[in-house]
């Protein structure tokens, strides 16, 4: 009779998984994880004709390249190599993680500028930032509840093209003045103001002055164009109505001299 491997029992499987996790992955107990997704990426490519696909690809390539140019020039990224700080991309999603609150603030400033540039190119982002643990092998190989929570903040909680921050992260960060000036709260949810740096300069912690100019008129045009485009799509229409209201409020504050 041929030998048959015994069926593993649950305790054996759990032991094997735990041993592998301990030996191959390093646990970081308190990590801030940002998960940021392009709004309507799949629908955009499903709707366009093949003849225009390369133009669309160029647009996204330009936006993604600028993100990594900025992160590549960020001084805190160099300082964070030894402490576990990384920025990456998977498909149409960008991510960033760090265990330092000051690095997170610098990332938020870079993203706030980058997000304005993306909107001027008709690319809109939605995301979440959450605090939790992270098990890491290589910098780009990880899992943990910080990833899950950030993904849920993006996919379930964030109804609009904004970056939502969970309560644990907000509690840690609210004592930092730069953070407080970038954060708004609506219905108990904290989020990064999408137009915080539209009319005021942001000092980025970068090596070289590679910051691109922001075309405010193009941002306004793209928001209004998408609002009109999705007039009969209740789910997406509200997203651009929200942005338009935020933009009008920003314009009003700027014209009246209110900070």
Protein backbone atom coordinates (compact mmCIF):
# COMPACT_ATOMS: atom_id res chain seq x y z
CA UNK A 1 0.00 0.00 0.00
CA UNK A 2 1.38 3.37 -1.00
CA UNK A 3 2.30 5.81 1.75
CA UNK A 4 -0.19 8.63 2.32
CA UNK A 5 0.80 11.84 4.09
CA UNK A 6 -1.21 12.36 7.26
CA UNK A 7 -3.71 15.21 7.11
CA UNK A 8 -2.42 18.15 9.15
CA UNK A 9 -4.53 19.21 12.10
CA UNK A 10 -5.32 22.87 12.80
CA UNK A 11 -2.74 23.17 15.59
CA UNK A 12 0.03 22.04 13.21
CA UNK A 13 -0.96 24.60 10.58
CA UNK A 14 -1.06 27.43 13.10
CA UNK A 15 2.35 26.45 14.47
CA UNK A 16 3.88 26.37 10.97
CA UNK A 17 2.42 29.78 10.08
CA UNK A 18 3.59 31.35 13.32
CA UNK A 19 7.10 29.93 12.97
CA UNK A 20 7.36 31.20 9.40
CA UNK A 21 6.10 34.64 10.41
CA UNK A 22 8.61 34.87 13.22
CA UNK A 23 11.56 33.67 11.14
CA UNK A 24 10.89 35.47 7.87
CA UNK A 25 9.09 38.67 8.80
CA UNK A 26 9.98 41.49 11.17
CA UNK A 27 7.13 42.89 13.24
CA UNK A 28 6.70 46.64 13.60
CA UNK A 29 4.15 47.38 16.30
CA UNK A 30 3.21 51.00 15.57
CA UNK A 31 3.18 51.94 11.91
CA UNK A 32 1.30 54.61 9.98
CA UNK A 33 0.18 53.17 6.65
CA UNK A 34 -1.25 55.23 3.78
CA UNK A 35 -3.19 53.48 1.02
CA UNK A 36 -4.15 55.78 -1.87
CA UNK A 37 -6.12 54.74 -4.94
CA UNK A 38 -6.89 56.41 -8.27
CA UNK A 39 -10.57 57.27 -8.47
CA UNK A 40 -12.35 55.43 -11.30
CA UNK A 41 -9.17 53.97 -12.80
CA UNK A 42 -10.77 50.79 -14.19
CA UNK A 43 -13.84 52.61 -15.49
CA UNK A 44 -11.66 55.14 -17.25
CA UNK A 45 -9.88 52.46 -19.25
CA UNK A 46 -13.08 50.48 -19.85
CA UNK A 47 -14.78 53.54 -21.33
CA UNK A 48 -12.09 54.87 -23.66
CA UNK A 49 -11.51 53.70 -27.20
CA UNK A 50 -8.33 51.78 -28.03
CA UNK A 51 -7.06 54.70 -30.11
CA UNK A 52 -6.93 56.86 -26.99
CA UNK A 53 -5.46 54.28 -24.63
CA UNK A 54 -1.88 55.42 -25.10
CA UNK A 55 -2.82 59.03 -24.31
CA UNK A 56 -4.47 57.88 -21.09
CA UNK A 57 -1.46 55.75 -20.20
CA UNK A 58 0.84 58.74 -20.71
CA UNK A 59 -1.28 60.85 -18.38
CA UNK A 60 -1.12 58.33 -15.55
CA UNK A 61 2.55 57.64 -16.20
CA UNK A 62 3.33 61.34 -15.82
CA UNK A 63 1.40 61.59 -12.55
CA UNK A 64 2.89 58.43 -11.03
CA UNK A 65 6.39 59.43 -12.11
CA UNK A 66 6.03 62.78 -10.37
CA UNK A 67 5.00 61.05 -7.14
CA UNK A 68 8.18 58.97 -7.15
CA UNK A 69 10.32 61.94 -8.17
CA UNK A 70 9.07 63.80 -5.11
CA UNK A 71 9.47 60.82 -2.79
CA UNK A 72 12.91 60.12 -4.23
CA UNK A 73 14.00 63.66 -3.35
CA UNK A 74 12.44 63.61 0.13
CA UNK A 75 15.09 63.98 2.81
CA UNK A 76 13.06 62.06 5.38
CA UNK A 77 12.98 59.01 3.07
CA UNK A 78 16.77 58.82 3.22
CA UNK A 79 16.74 59.25 6.99
CA UNK A 80 14.00 56.65 7.30
CA UNK A 81 15.80 53.81 5.54
CA UNK A 82 17.09 52.38 8.80
CA UNK A 83 13.80 52.76 10.67
CA UNK A 84 11.41 51.29 8.12
CA UNK A 85 10.04 53.97 5.81
CA UNK A 86 8.94 53.14 2.28
CA UNK A 87 6.86 54.41 -0.64
CA UNK A 88 5.61 52.10 -3.38
CA UNK A 89 3.01 51.38 -6.02
CA UNK A 90 0.87 48.42 -6.98
CA UNK A 91 -1.27 48.83 -10.10
CA UNK A 92 -3.15 52.14 -9.70
CA UNK A 93 -2.58 52.30 -5.92
CA UNK A 94 0.14 54.21 -4.10
CA UNK A 95 1.24 53.40 -0.59
CA UNK A 96 3.56 54.72 2.08
CA UNK A 97 4.44 53.58 5.56
CA UNK A 98 6.54 54.86 8.43
CA UNK A 99 6.76 54.49 12.20
CA UNK A 100 7.52 58.18 12.77
CA UNK A 101 4.86 60.86 13.08
CA UNK A 102 7.20 63.63 11.84
CA UNK A 103 7.86 61.64 8.66
CA UNK A 104 4.12 61.21 8.18
CA UNK A 105 3.62 64.98 8.34
CA UNK A 106 6.28 65.49 5.68
CA UNK A 107 4.63 62.84 3.53
CA UNK A 108 1.24 64.55 3.90
CA UNK A 109 2.74 67.84 2.75
CA UNK A 110 4.30 66.18 -0.30
CA UNK A 111 1.08 64.36 -1.10
CA UNK A 112 -0.99 67.54 -0.73
CA UNK A 113 1.14 69.27 -3.36
CA UNK A 114 1.27 66.17 -5.57
CA UNK A 115 -2.51 65.74 -5.33
CA UNK A 116 -3.10 69.25 -6.68
CA UNK A 117 -0.82 68.48 -9.62
CA UNK A 118 -2.70 65.21 -10.24
CA UNK A 119 -6.06 67.00 -10.23
CA UNK A 120 -4.72 69.47 -12.80
CA UNK A 121 -4.06 66.41 -14.99
CA UNK A 122 -7.58 65.06 -14.37
CA UNK A 123 -6.39 62.32 -12.01
CA UNK A 124 -8.16 62.14 -8.66
CA UNK A 125 -7.15 60.16 -5.61
CA UNK A 126 -9.00 58.69 -2.65
CA UNK A 127 -7.27 57.10 0.29
CA UNK A 128 -6.89 56.27 3.94
CA UNK A 129 -4.20 56.50 6.61
CA UNK A 130 -4.31 54.16 9.60
CA UNK A 131 -2.16 53.08 12.52
CA UNK A 132 -1.45 49.47 13.37
CA UNK A 133 1.16 46.73 13.16
CA UNK A 134 3.13 45.69 10.10
CA UNK A 135 4.97 42.44 9.40
CA UNK A 136 7.71 43.12 6.87
CA UNK A 137 10.07 40.87 4.91
CA UNK A 138 11.34 42.98 2.05
CA UNK A 139 10.26 46.64 1.98
CA UNK A 140 7.60 45.75 -0.57
CA UNK A 141 6.58 42.47 1.12
CA UNK A 142 4.34 43.09 4.10
CA UNK A 143 1.05 42.45 5.80
CA UNK A 144 -0.61 43.64 8.99
CA UNK A 145 -3.66 45.35 10.39
CA UNK A 146 -2.28 48.79 9.49
CA UNK A 147 -2.60 47.77 5.82
CA UNK A 148 -6.11 46.38 6.32
CA UNK A 149 -7.32 49.44 8.24
CA UNK A 150 -5.86 51.87 5.68
CA UNK A 151 -7.48 49.92 2.85
CA UNK A 152 -10.85 49.99 4.63
CA UNK A 153 -10.54 53.72 5.23
CA UNK A 154 -10.00 54.15 1.48
CA UNK A 155 -12.51 51.65 0.11
CA UNK A 156 -15.36 51.87 2.64
CA UNK A 157 -15.07 55.07 4.68
CA UNK A 158 -13.75 57.63 2.19
CA UNK A 159 -16.77 58.44 0.01
CA UNK A 160 -15.09 61.42 -1.65
CA UNK A 161 -11.72 62.09 -3.38
CA UNK A 162 -9.96 62.79 -0.08
CA UNK A 163 -7.51 61.06 2.26
CA UNK A 164 -9.22 59.99 5.48
CA UNK A 165 -7.22 59.61 8.70
CA UNK A 166 -8.19 57.14 11.42
CA UNK A 167 -8.66 58.20 15.04
CA UNK A 168 -5.47 56.57 16.36
CA UNK A 169 -3.34 58.43 13.84
CA UNK A 170 -5.19 61.70 14.44
CA UNK A 171 -4.73 61.35 18.20
CA UNK A 172 -0.96 60.95 17.75
CA UNK A 173 -0.64 63.75 15.22
CA UNK A 174 -2.97 66.47 16.49
CA UNK A 175 -0.28 68.00 18.71
CA UNK A 176 1.81 68.82 15.62
CA UNK A 177 0.82 72.29 14.38
CA UNK A 178 1.59 71.57 10.71
CA UNK A 179 -0.69 68.55 10.85
CA UNK A 180 -3.54 70.41 12.50
CA UNK A 181 -3.55 73.08 9.81
CA UNK A 182 -3.92 70.41 7.10
CA UNK A 183 -6.76 68.46 8.71
CA UNK A 184 -10.51 68.99 8.60
CA UNK A 185 -13.27 67.00 10.30
CA UNK A 186 -16.73 66.19 8.99
CA UNK A 187 -19.23 63.86 10.67
CA UNK A 188 -16.53 62.58 12.99
CA UNK A 189 -14.12 61.71 10.16
CA UNK A 190 -10.75 63.40 9.81
CA UNK A 191 -9.33 64.10 6.36
CA UNK A 192 -6.56 66.04 4.66
CA UNK A 193 -7.86 69.30 3.20
CA UNK A 194 -7.64 68.77 -0.58
CA UNK A 195 -6.95 72.44 -1.36
CA UNK A 196 -4.86 73.44 1.64
CA UNK A 197 -1.88 74.51 -0.51
CA UNK A 198 -3.74 75.74 -3.57
CA UNK A 199 -3.02 79.42 -2.82
CA UNK A 200 -0.27 79.15 -0.24
CA UNK A 201 3.20 77.80 -0.74
CA UNK A 202 4.20 74.55 0.91
CA UNK A 203 7.79 74.04 2.02
CA UNK A 204 8.65 70.49 1.05
CA UNK A 205 11.47 68.60 2.75
CA UNK A 206 13.17 67.71 -0.54
CA UNK A 207 16.75 67.83 -1.79
CA UNK A 208 16.24 69.54 -5.16
CA UNK A 209 13.69 72.19 -6.19
CA UNK A 210 11.69 69.90 -8.50
CA UNK A 211 8.24 71.11 -7.42
CA UNK A 212 6.07 71.63 -10.49
CA UNK A 213 3.70 74.55 -11.03
CA UNK A 214 0.02 73.98 -10.31
CA UNK A 215 -2.50 75.12 -12.93
CA UNK A 216 -5.47 76.23 -10.81
CA UNK A 217 -7.68 76.85 -13.84
CA UNK A 218 -7.18 73.27 -15.04
CA UNK A 219 -8.16 71.92 -11.62
CA UNK A 220 -11.36 73.95 -11.70
CA UNK A 221 -12.09 72.86 -15.26
CA UNK A 222 -11.52 69.17 -14.51
CA UNK A 223 -13.74 69.20 -11.42
CA UNK A 224 -16.56 70.95 -13.25
CA UNK A 225 -16.16 68.72 -16.29
CA UNK A 226 -16.39 65.55 -14.18
CA UNK A 227 -19.34 66.93 -12.26
CA UNK A 228 -21.17 67.46 -15.55
CA UNK A 229 -20.02 64.10 -16.93
CA UNK A 230 -21.47 62.22 -13.96
CA UNK A 231 -24.71 64.21 -13.65
CA UNK A 232 -26.77 61.01 -14.02
CA UNK A 233 -24.44 58.89 -11.88
CA UNK A 234 -25.44 59.50 -8.26
CA UNK A 235 -22.42 57.70 -6.80
CA UNK A 236 -19.77 59.64 -8.71
CA UNK A 237 -21.63 62.93 -9.10
CA UNK A 238 -21.53 63.60 -5.35
CA UNK A 239 -17.76 63.17 -5.29
CA UNK A 240 -17.17 66.11 -7.60
CA UNK A 241 -19.91 68.19 -5.99
CA UNK A 242 -18.00 67.73 -2.73
CA UNK A 243 -14.74 68.84 -4.35
CA UNK A 244 -16.41 71.83 -5.97
CA UNK A 245 -17.81 72.98 -2.60
CA UNK A 246 -14.37 72.60 -1.03
CA UNK A 247 -12.81 74.56 -3.87
CA UNK A 248 -15.39 77.38 -3.68
CA UNK A 249 -14.80 77.66 0.08
CA UNK A 250 -11.05 77.80 -0.55
CA UNK A 251 -11.54 80.53 -3.17
CA UNK A 252 -13.73 82.52 -0.80
CA UNK A 253 -11.19 82.27 2.01
CA UNK A 254 -8.38 83.29 -0.30
CA UNK A 255 -10.27 86.30 -1.65
CA UNK A 256 -11.24 87.46 1.82
CA UNK A 257 -7.76 86.96 3.24
CA UNK A 258 -8.92 84.33 5.72
CA UNK A 259 -6.39 81.61 6.51
